[in-house]
C-alpha cells in the first residue's frame, strides 16, 4: 500500500510501500475525471502530478487530513 504524505512545507509526497506498520491516515474516494486530467502513480514518480487538473483533489485531501490531525492519506 502506498500512502501520500503532507510534509511540514505543505508539499505532498508519495511514501514508500508500507507492508506491516501503518500510520493513521485519511481516505478520499472520488469521482474520476478525464483520463488526461487525473494524477497517476507515474505522475508522482516523474514529478508531473502538480501539472494535472486532478491534483486539486489531492491537495484538498491533504489539507483536510491535516485539519483532522493526519499527516498521511490515501486516494482510491
Protein backbone atom coordinates (compact mmCIF):
# COMPACT_ATOMS: atom_id res chain seq x y z
CA UNK A 1 0.00 0.00 0.00
CA UNK A 2 1.29 3.45 -0.86
CA UNK A 3 0.27 6.48 1.15
CA UNK A 4 0.68 10.14 0.37
CA UNK A 5 2.09 12.50 2.99
CA UNK A 6 1.77 16.22 3.57
CA UNK A 7 5.13 17.42 4.91
CA UNK A 8 5.97 20.49 7.01
CA UNK A 9 6.46 22.59 3.85
CA UNK A 10 2.94 21.71 2.59
CA UNK A 11 4.48 19.51 -0.10
CA UNK A 12 2.77 16.24 -0.96
CA UNK A 13 4.95 13.20 -1.44
CA UNK A 14 4.47 9.54 -2.19
CA UNK A 15 5.68 7.34 0.66
CA UNK A 16 7.42 4.01 0.31
CA UNK A 17 5.32 0.89 0.16
CA UNK A 18 4.08 0.01 3.64
CA UNK A 19 3.56 -3.63 4.45
CA UNK A 20 3.22 -4.11 8.18
CA UNK A 21 3.10 -0.91 10.27
CA UNK A 22 0.57 1.63 9.07
CA UNK A 23 0.29 5.15 10.48
CA UNK A 24 -3.13 6.73 10.94
CA UNK A 25 -4.35 8.05 7.59
CA UNK A 26 -7.35 9.62 5.90
CA UNK A 27 -9.03 8.26 2.77
CA UNK A 28 -10.62 10.01 -0.20
CA UNK A 29 -12.97 8.27 -2.55
CA UNK A 30 -13.64 10.42 -5.58
CA UNK A 31 -15.22 10.53 -8.99
CA UNK A 32 -12.69 10.06 -11.76
CA UNK A 33 -12.42 12.82 -14.33
CA UNK A 34 -10.98 12.77 -17.82
CA UNK A 35 -8.10 10.30 -18.06
CA UNK A 36 -5.64 13.03 -19.08
CA UNK A 37 -6.59 15.15 -16.05
CA UNK A 38 -6.18 12.53 -13.32
CA UNK A 39 -2.90 12.07 -11.45
CA UNK A 40 -1.28 8.64 -11.70
CA UNK A 41 1.38 6.86 -9.70
CA UNK A 42 3.79 7.52 -12.58
CA UNK A 43 2.95 11.24 -12.49
CA UNK A 44 4.12 11.34 -8.87
CA UNK A 45 7.27 9.39 -9.65
CA UNK A 46 8.07 11.70 -12.59
CA UNK A 47 7.23 14.96 -10.75
CA UNK A 48 4.30 15.69 -13.07
CA UNK A 49 1.46 15.41 -10.54
CA UNK A 50 1.13 19.14 -9.83
CA UNK A 51 0.61 19.87 -13.52
CA UNK A 52 -2.59 17.82 -13.72
CA UNK A 53 -6.07 19.25 -13.13
CA UNK A 54 -6.85 16.35 -10.78
CA UNK A 55 -4.09 17.44 -8.40
CA UNK A 56 -6.62 19.86 -6.86
CA UNK A 57 -8.44 16.86 -5.37
CA UNK A 58 -5.20 15.54 -3.92
CA UNK A 59 -4.35 18.94 -2.43
CA UNK A 60 -7.86 19.15 -0.92
CA UNK A 61 -7.49 15.69 0.64
CA UNK A 62 -4.06 16.59 2.06
CA UNK A 63 -5.38 19.77 3.62
CA UNK A 64 -8.45 18.03 5.06
CA UNK A 65 -6.34 15.22 6.51
CA UNK A 66 -4.04 17.83 8.05
CA UNK A 67 -7.00 19.65 9.61
CA UNK A 68 -8.09 16.32 11.07
CA UNK A 69 -4.62 15.79 12.60
CA UNK A 70 -3.46 13.26 9.99
CA UNK A 71 -0.22 13.58 8.02
CA UNK A 72 -0.89 10.62 5.74
CA UNK A 73 -3.72 9.95 3.31
CA UNK A 74 -4.79 7.52 0.62
CA UNK A 75 -6.85 8.13 -2.51
CA UNK A 76 -8.61 5.41 -4.47
